[in-house]
Amino acid sequence: MSGTEKTKAATEQARGKTKEAIGRMTGNERLIAEGRAEQAKGDAREAKEKTKDTLKDTFRH
């Protein structure tokens, strides 16, 4: 996984978790949903990069 994309994925996941937690504390449903969406975006980015790495390793040999 490229370093930049890995960092973006981790940042999105952390930001999403923070938004979701703040939304839960304040009872803000919209913020909870935004946090979950941002976490999902980070998860998807991470999965994409892992898939790319796996394919590179598979075809490299």
PDB file of N, CA and C in Angstrom:
ATOM      1  N   MET A   1       0.859  -1.165   0.000  1.00  0.00           N
ATOM      2  CA  MET A   1       0.000   0.000   0.000  1.00  0.00           C
ATOM      3  C   MET A   1       0.901   1.222   0.000  1.00  0.00           C
ATOM      4  N   SER A   2       0.595   2.161  -0.868  1.00  0.00           N
ATOM      5  CA  SER A   2       1.428   3.361  -0.910  1.00  0.00           C
ATOM      6  C   SER A   2       1.249   4.135   0.400  1.00  0.00           C
ATOM      7  N   GLY A   3       2.323   4.783   0.799  1.00  0.00           N
ATOM      8  CA  GLY A   3       2.299   5.508   2.064  1.00  0.00           C
ATOM      9  C   GLY A   3       1.254   6.599   2.117  1.00  0.00           C
ATOM     10  N   THR A   4       1.105   7.316   1.015  1.00  0.00           N
ATOM     11  CA  THR A   4       0.134   8.412   0.971  1.00  0.00           C
ATOM     12  C   THR A   4      -1.290   7.900   1.123  1.00  0.00           C
ATOM     13  N   GLU A   5      -1.611   6.857   0.389  1.00  0.00           N
ATOM     14  CA  GLU A   5      -2.968   6.306   0.448  1.00  0.00           C
ATOM     15  C   GLU A   5      -3.240   5.671   1.811  1.00  0.00           C
ATOM     16  N   LYS A   6      -2.222   5.034   2.383  1.00  0.00           N
ATOM     17  CA  LYS A   6      -2.378   4.427   3.709  1.00  0.00           C
ATOM     18  C   LYS A   6      -2.672   5.514   4.745  1.00  0.00           C
ATOM     19  N   THR A   7      -1.965   6.620   4.632  1.00  0.00           N
ATOM     20  CA  THR A   7      -2.178   7.737   5.551  1.00  0.00           C
ATOM     21  C   THR A   7      -3.570   8.329   5.372  1.00  0.00           C
ATOM     22  N   LYS A   8      -3.999   8.493   4.124  1.00  0.00           N
ATOM     23  CA  LYS A   8      -5.349   9.021   3.861  1.00  0.00           C
ATOM     24  C   LYS A   8      -6.410   8.108   4.453  1.00  0.00           C
ATOM     25  N   ALA A   9      -6.232   6.802   4.273  1.00  0.00           N
ATOM     26  CA  ALA A   9      -7.213   5.842   4.795  1.00  0.00           C
ATOM     27  C   ALA A   9      -7.286   5.929   6.318  1.00  0.00           C
ATOM     28  N   ALA A  10      -6.134   5.952   6.971  1.00  0.00           N
ATOM     29  CA  ALA A  10      -6.101   6.023   8.436  1.00  0.00           C
ATOM     30  C   ALA A  10      -6.699   7.332   8.942  1.00  0.00           C
ATOM     31  N   THR A  11      -6.415   8.417   8.230  1.00  0.00           N
ATOM     32  CA  THR A  11      -6.949   9.723   8.622  1.00  0.00           C
ATOM     33  C   THR A  11      -8.472   9.742   8.497  1.00  0.00           C
ATOM     34  N   GLU A  12      -8.981   9.215   7.388  1.00  0.00           N
ATOM     35  CA  GLU A  12     -10.435   9.176   7.195  1.00  0.00           C
ATOM     36  C   GLU A  12     -11.107   8.312   8.262  1.00  0.00           C
ATOM     37  N   GLN A  13     -10.493   7.194   8.571  1.00  0.00           N
ATOM     38  CA  GLN A  13     -11.063   6.320   9.584  1.00  0.00           C
ATOM     39  C   GLN A  13     -11.081   7.003  10.955  1.00  0.00           C
ATOM     40  N   ALA A  14      -9.972   7.634  11.323  1.00  0.00           N
ATOM     41  CA  ALA A  14      -9.893   8.315  12.620  1.00  0.00           C
ATOM     42  C   ALA A  14     -10.851   9.501  12.689  1.00  0.00           C
ATOM     43  N   ARG A  15     -10.907  10.283  11.621  1.00  0.00           N
ATOM     44  CA  ARG A  15     -11.806  11.432  11.591  1.00  0.00           C
ATOM     45  C   ARG A  15     -13.260  10.971  11.702  1.00  0.00           C
ATOM     46  N   GLY A  16     -13.568   9.876  11.017  1.00  0.00           N
ATOM     47  CA  GLY A  16     -14.923   9.339  11.076  1.00  0.00           C
ATOM     48  C   GLY A  16     -15.300   8.860  12.463  1.00  0.00           C
ATOM     49  N   LYS A  17     -14.363   8.178  13.116  1.00  0.00           N
ATOM     50  CA  LYS A  17     -14.629   7.702  14.478  1.00  0.00           C
ATOM     51  C   LYS A  17     -14.850   8.871  15.431  1.00  0.00           C
ATOM     52  N   THR A  18     -14.062   9.931  15.245  1.00  0.00           N
ATOM     53  CA  THR A  18     -14.214  11.118  16.088  1.00  0.00           C
ATOM     54  C   THR A  18     -15.573  11.770  15.867  1.00  0.00           C
ATOM     55  N   LYS A  19     -15.943  11.950  14.603  1.00  0.00           N
ATOM     56  CA  LYS A  19     -17.249  12.548  14.300  1.00  0.00           C
ATOM     57  C   LYS A  19     -18.378  11.713  14.879  1.00  0.00           C
ATOM     58  N   GLU A  20     -18.284  10.403  14.723  1.00  0.00           N
ATOM     59  CA  GLU A  20     -19.335   9.531  15.234  1.00  0.00           C
ATOM     60  C   GLU A  20     -19.432   9.645  16.758  1.00  0.00           C
ATOM     61  N   ALA A  21     -18.289   9.659  17.438  1.00  0.00           N
ATOM     62  CA  ALA A  21     -18.289   9.768  18.901  1.00  0.00           C
ATOM     63  C   ALA A  21     -18.889  11.095  19.361  1.00  0.00           C
ATOM     64  N   ILE A  22     -18.512  12.180  18.699  1.00  0.00           N
ATOM     65  CA  ILE A  22     -19.063  13.489  19.068  1.00  0.00           C
ATOM     66  C   ILE A  22     -20.564  13.513  18.791  1.00  0.00           C
ATOM     67  N   GLY A  23     -20.967  12.920  17.684  1.00  0.00           N
ATOM     68  CA  GLY A  23     -22.392  12.850  17.368  1.00  0.00           C
ATOM     69  C   GLY A  23     -23.168  12.080  18.424  1.00  0.00           C
ATOM     70  N   ARG A  24     -22.581  10.995  18.904  1.00  0.00           N
ATOM     71  CA  ARG A  24     -23.247  10.207  19.955  1.00  0.00           C
ATOM     72  C   ARG A  24     -23.350  11.005  21.255  1.00  0.00           C
ATOM     73  N   MET A  25     -22.282  11.715  21.594  1.00  0.00           N
ATOM     74  CA  MET A  25     -22.293  12.490  22.843  1.00  0.00           C
ATOM     75  C   MET A  25     -23.308  13.622  22.795  1.00  0.00           C
ATOM     76  N   THR A  26     -23.472  14.206  21.622  1.00  0.00           N
ATOM     77  CA  THR A  26     -24.377  15.361  21.497  1.00  0.00           C
ATOM     78  C   THR A  26     -25.772  14.980  21.019  1.00  0.00           C
ATOM     79  N   GLY A  27     -25.944  13.709  20.637  1.00  0.00           N
ATOM     80  CA  GLY A  27     -27.240  13.286  20.122  1.00  0.00           C
ATOM     81  C   GLY A  27     -27.506  13.761  18.702  1.00  0.00           C
ATOM     82  N   ASN A  28     -26.444  14.091  17.966  1.00  0.00           N
ATOM     83  CA  ASN A  28     -26.563  14.619  16.610  1.00  0.00           C
ATOM     84  C   ASN A  28     -26.506  13.454  15.613  1.00  0.00           C
ATOM     85  N   GLU A  29     -27.657  13.052  15.118  1.00  0.00           N
ATOM     86  CA  GLU A  29     -27.753  11.915  14.198  1.00  0.00           C
ATOM     87  C   GLU A  29     -27.004  12.161  12.892  1.00  0.00           C
ATOM     88  N   ARG A  30     -27.056  13.397  12.406  1.00  0.00           N
ATOM     89  CA  ARG A  30     -26.364  13.717  11.157  1.00  0.00           C
ATOM     90  C   ARG A  30     -24.854  13.528  11.301  1.00  0.00           C
ATOM     91  N   LEU A  31     -24.306  13.948  12.419  1.00  0.00           N
ATOM     92  CA  LEU A  31     -22.871  13.809  12.671  1.00  0.00           C
ATOM     93  C   LEU A  31     -22.487  12.333  12.817  1.00  0.00           C
ATOM     94  N   ILE A  32     -23.345  11.557  13.434  1.00  0.00           N
ATOM     95  CA  ILE A  32     -23.107  10.114  13.546  1.00  0.00           C
ATOM     96  C   ILE A  32     -23.035   9.497  12.151  1.00  0.00           C
ATOM     97  N   ALA A  33     -23.991   9.860  11.314  1.00  0.00           N
ATOM     98  CA  ALA A  33     -24.030   9.319   9.947  1.00  0.00           C
ATOM     99  C   ALA A  33     -22.812   9.760   9.144  1.00  0.00           C
ATOM    100  N   GLU A  34     -22.423  11.018   9.279  1.00  0.00           N
ATOM    101  CA  GLU A  34     -21.238  11.508   8.576  1.00  0.00           C
ATOM    102  C   GLU A  34     -19.991  10.749   9.030  1.00  0.00           C
ATOM    103  N   GLY A  35     -19.899  10.499  10.321  1.00  0.00           N
ATOM    104  CA  GLY A  35     -18.758   9.763  10.856  1.00  0.00           C
ATOM    105  C   GLY A  35     -18.692   8.350  10.319  1.00  0.00           C
ATOM    106  N   ARG A  36     -19.822   7.699  10.288  1.00  0.00           N
ATOM    107  CA  ARG A  36     -19.861   6.328   9.750  1.00  0.00           C
ATOM    108  C   ARG A  36     -19.489   6.309   8.271  1.00  0.00           C
ATOM    109  N   ALA A  37     -19.980   7.300   7.527  1.00  0.00           N
ATOM    110  CA  ALA A  37     -19.676   7.380   6.093  1.00  0.00           C
ATOM    111  C   ALA A  37     -18.184   7.616   5.867  1.00  0.00           C
ATOM    112  N   GLU A  38     -17.602   8.467   6.680  1.00  0.00           N
ATOM    113  CA  GLU A  38     -16.175   8.749   6.530  1.00  0.00           C
ATOM    114  C   GLU A  38     -15.336   7.521   6.884  1.00  0.00           C
ATOM    115  N   GLN A  39     -15.760   6.784   7.896  1.00  0.00           N
ATOM    116  CA  GLN A  39     -15.061   5.542   8.241  1.00  0.00           C
ATOM    117  C   GLN A  39     -15.155   4.545   7.091  1.00  0.00           C
ATOM    118  N   ALA A  40     -16.326   4.441   6.497  1.00  0.00           N
ATOM    119  CA  ALA A  40     -16.519   3.521   5.373  1.00  0.00           C
ATOM    120  C   ALA A  40     -15.643   3.921   4.187  1.00  0.00           C
ATOM    121  N   LYS A  41     -15.511   5.213   3.958  1.00  0.00           N
ATOM    122  CA  LYS A  41     -14.656   5.705   2.879  1.00  0.00           C
ATOM    123  C   LYS A  41     -13.204   5.304   3.138  1.00  0.00           C
ATOM    124  N   GLY A  42     -12.763   5.452   4.369  1.00  0.00           N
ATOM    125  CA  GLY A  42     -11.404   5.051   4.734  1.00  0.00           C
ATOM    126  C   GLY A  42     -11.208   3.553   4.608  1.00  0.00           C
ATOM    127  N   ASP A  43     -12.209   2.787   5.025  1.00  0.00           N
ATOM    128  CA  ASP A  43     -12.144   1.326   4.905  1.00  0.00           C
ATOM    129  C   ASP A  43     -12.053   0.905   3.440  1.00  0.00           C
ATOM    130  N   ALA A  44     -12.830   1.572   2.595  1.00  0.00           N
ATOM    131  CA  ALA A  44     -12.823   1.250   1.160  1.00  0.00           C
ATOM    132  C   ALA A  44     -11.473   1.585   0.534  1.00  0.00           C
ATOM    133  N   ARG A  45     -10.907   2.712   0.922  1.00  0.00           N
ATOM    134  CA  ARG A  45      -9.590   3.109   0.398  1.00  0.00           C
ATOM    135  C   ARG A  45      -8.539   2.080   0.825  1.00  0.00           C
ATOM    136  N   GLU A  46      -8.609   1.661   2.075  1.00  0.00           N
ATOM    137  CA  GLU A  46      -7.656   0.672   2.585  1.00  0.00           C
ATOM    138  C   GLU A  46      -7.807  -0.663   1.847  1.00  0.00           C
ATOM    139  N   ALA A  47      -9.036  -1.099   1.636  1.00  0.00           N
ATOM    140  CA  ALA A  47      -9.285  -2.349   0.922  1.00  0.00           C
ATOM    141  C   ALA A  47      -8.775  -2.278  -0.514  1.00  0.00           C
ATOM    142  N   LYS A  48      -8.996  -1.138  -1.165  1.00  0.00           N
ATOM    143  CA  LYS A  48      -8.527  -0.950  -2.541  1.00  0.00           C
ATOM    144  C   LYS A  48      -7.009  -1.073  -2.609  1.00  0.00           C
ATOM    145  N   GLU A  49      -6.324  -0.435  -1.690  1.00  0.00           N
ATOM    146  CA  GLU A  49      -4.865  -0.473  -1.695  1.00  0.00           C
ATOM    147  C   GLU A  49      -4.342  -1.876  -1.382  1.00  0.00           C
ATOM    148  N   LYS A  50      -4.997  -2.576  -0.471  1.00  0.00           N
ATOM    149  CA  LYS A  50      -4.577  -3.948  -0.160  1.00  0.00           C
ATOM    150  C   LYS A  50      -4.774  -4.854  -1.365  1.00  0.00           C
ATOM    151  N   THR A  51      -5.864  -4.650  -2.089  1.00  0.00           N
ATOM    152  CA  THR A  51      -6.116  -5.436  -3.299  1.00  0.00           C
ATOM    153  C   THR A  51      -5.049  -5.156  -4.346  1.00  0.00           C
ATOM    154  N   LYS A  52      -4.714  -3.890  -4.530  1.00  0.00           N
ATOM    155  CA  LYS A  52      -3.667  -3.531  -5.483  1.00  0.00           C
ATOM    156  C   LYS A  52      -2.334  -4.182  -5.103  1.00  0.00           C
ATOM    157  N   ASP A  53      -2.007  -4.166  -3.811  1.00  0.00           N
ATOM    158  CA  ASP A  53      -0.763  -4.781  -3.352  1.00  0.00           C
ATOM    159  C   ASP A  53      -0.762  -6.282  -3.606  1.00  0.00           C
ATOM    160  N   THR A  54      -1.893  -6.927  -3.345  1.00  0.00           N
ATOM    161  CA  THR A  54      -2.005  -8.368  -3.563  1.00  0.00           C
ATOM    162  C   THR A  54      -1.823  -8.706  -5.036  1.00  0.00           C
ATOM    163  N   LEU A  55      -2.460  -7.932  -5.906  1.00  0.00           N
ATOM    164  CA  LEU A  55      -2.323  -8.170  -7.343  1.00  0.00           C
ATOM    165  C   LEU A  55      -0.892  -7.948  -7.817  1.00  0.00           C
ATOM    166  N   LYS A  56      -0.254  -6.906  -7.300  1.00  0.00           N
ATOM    167  CA  LYS A  56       1.142  -6.656  -7.664  1.00  0.00           C
ATOM    168  C   LYS A  56       2.021  -7.837  -7.251  1.00  0.00           C
ATOM    169  N   ASP A  57       1.814  -8.333  -6.023  1.00  0.00           N
ATOM    170  CA  ASP A  57       2.606  -9.464  -5.533  1.00  0.00           C
ATOM    171  C   ASP A  57       2.333 -10.720  -6.341  1.00  0.00           C
ATOM    172  N   THR A  58       1.075 -10.924  -6.733  1.00  0.00           N
ATOM    173  CA  THR A  58       0.700 -12.112  -7.493  1.00  0.00           C
ATOM    174  C   THR A  58       1.355 -12.125  -8.861  1.00  0.00           C
ATOM    175  N   PHE A  59       1.341 -11.003  -9.536  1.00  0.00           N
ATOM    176  CA  PHE A  59       1.863 -10.942 -10.897  1.00  0.00           C
ATOM    177  C   PHE A  59       3.361 -10.666 -10.953  1.00  0.00           C
ATOM    178  N   ARG A  60       3.953 -10.367  -9.832  1.00  0.00           N
ATOM    179  CA  ARG A  60       5.379 -10.106  -9.769  1.00  0.00           C
ATOM    180  C   ARG A  60       6.176 -11.410  -9.842  1.00  0.00           C
ATOM    181  N   HIS A  61       5.575 -12.510  -9.380  1.00  0.00           N
ATOM    182  CA  HIS A  61       6.304 -13.790  -9.319  1.00  0.00           C
ATOM    183  C   HIS A  61       6.158 -14.563 -10.570  1.00  0.00           C
TER     184      HIS A  61
END
